[in-house]
Every structure is written in C-alpha cells, then in structure tokens.
Protein backbone atom coordinates (compact mmCIF):
# COMPACT_ATOMS: atom_id res chain seq x y z
CA MET A 1 -31.73 13.12 -5.19
CA LYS A 2 -28.72 12.92 -7.54
CA ALA A 3 -26.62 14.96 -5.13
CA SER A 4 -27.46 12.56 -2.29
CA LEU A 5 -26.47 9.54 -4.37
CA LEU A 6 -23.23 11.16 -5.43
CA LEU A 7 -22.43 12.14 -1.85
CA ALA A 8 -23.14 8.60 -0.63
CA ALA A 9 -20.96 7.08 -3.36
CA ALA A 10 -18.10 9.50 -2.65
CA LEU A 11 -18.30 8.81 1.08
CA GLY A 12 -18.24 5.05 0.44
CA LEU A 13 -15.15 5.36 -1.74
CA LEU A 14 -13.42 7.56 0.81
CA LEU A 15 -14.11 5.16 3.66
CA SER A 16 -13.02 2.10 1.68
CA ALA A 17 -9.76 3.84 0.71
CA CYS A 18 -9.01 4.45 4.39
CA THR A 19 -9.50 0.83 5.42
CA THR A 20 -6.26 -1.02 6.13
CA THR A 21 -5.14 -3.96 8.20
CA ASN A 22 -3.22 -2.39 11.03
CA GLY A 23 -1.22 -3.76 13.89
CA PRO A 24 -2.50 -4.05 17.45
CA SER A 25 -2.12 -0.34 18.19
CA GLY A 26 -4.09 0.60 15.08
CA ALA A 27 -1.17 2.62 13.70
CA THR A 28 0.54 1.77 10.44
CA ARG A 29 4.31 1.41 10.70
CA PRO A 30 6.04 3.64 8.13
CA TYR A 31 8.16 2.18 5.34
CA PRO A 32 11.82 2.64 6.35
CA LYS A 33 13.57 2.40 2.96
CA THR A 34 14.11 4.61 -0.10
CA THR A 35 14.17 1.59 -2.41
CA CYS A 36 11.56 -0.90 -3.64
CA LEU A 37 11.08 -3.82 -1.26
CA VAL A 38 11.10 -6.31 -4.16
CA SER A 39 13.52 -5.05 -6.82
CA GLY A 40 15.76 -2.73 -4.83
CA ASN A 41 15.23 0.05 -7.40
CA ALA A 42 15.02 3.63 -6.14
CA LEU A 43 11.44 4.57 -5.36
CA GLY A 44 10.06 6.71 -8.18
CA SER A 45 12.57 5.42 -10.73
CA MET A 46 9.93 3.36 -12.56
CA GLY A 47 7.07 5.87 -12.34
CA PRO A 48 4.75 6.67 -9.46
CA VAL A 49 5.47 4.84 -6.22
CA VAL A 50 2.93 2.15 -5.32
CA THR A 51 2.09 2.10 -1.61
CA ARG A 52 0.29 -0.73 0.19
CA VAL A 53 -0.28 -1.75 3.81
CA HIS A 54 0.32 -5.37 4.80
CA GLN A 55 -0.46 -6.44 8.38
CA GLY A 56 0.05 -2.93 9.71
CA GLN A 57 3.28 -2.29 7.79
CA GLU A 58 3.40 0.30 5.03
CA LEU A 59 5.20 -1.06 1.97
CA LYS A 60 6.44 0.82 -1.10
CA PHE A 61 7.12 -0.58 -4.55
CA CYS A 62 8.66 0.90 -7.69
CA CYS A 63 5.97 -0.54 -10.02
CA PRO A 64 2.83 -2.72 -10.13
CA PRO A 65 4.72 -5.89 -11.23
CA CYS A 66 6.69 -5.73 -7.97
CA VAL A 67 3.40 -5.68 -6.03
CA LYS A 68 2.38 -8.90 -7.83
CA LYS A 69 5.71 -10.52 -6.93
CA PHE A 70 5.27 -9.49 -3.30
CA ASP A 71 1.70 -10.82 -3.19
CA ALA A 72 2.92 -14.20 -4.47
CA ASN A 73 5.41 -14.59 -1.57
CA PRO A 74 5.18 -11.90 1.14
CA ALA A 75 7.43 -13.74 3.61
CA LYS A 76 10.31 -13.69 1.14
CA TYR A 77 10.27 -9.89 0.95
CA LEU A 78 9.19 -8.96 4.49
CA GLY A 79 12.49 -10.37 5.73
CA LYS A 80 14.24 -7.50 3.93
CA LEU A 81 12.68 -4.97 6.30
C-alpha cells in the first residue's frame, strides 16, 4: 500500500515536471545565449542556472531574482533573443 502511494506520488511529480507550454510543433526552442536574458551576466556566475520555458522558448537566468524581473515584463526581455 505505501509503495503504491509513493509510486503514484513520484509519477505525478515526474509528469508535472515535464509539462511545458510548447510551440505549435511541440518542441521547445533551445536558449541561444551564454548569458542571462535579464542581467546579461554569464550563466552560472551567480550560482546554479535557472531554466524556464515560456511559450515554447527555453530561457536561462543567472539567479531567481532575474526570473521575477522577467515574469513582471516578459516582452521587455524576449526582444533580446
């Protein structure tokens, strides 16, 4: 019983982690830069790289505060791609 519940919970987490909003083809476009979309810092310079998918485009950020800035005004930063 416990094993079944654990398996179901693990499967749910795995499936939710794989869910993204992709473009029409279903494929996520890779991030083309080696710098943060928001700050311009080198990826990895502020700790682990934060990766998100926005409307089928993979995005990479140098830190969580940059993700918050992006979320506040995506259009401002998407133009940099």
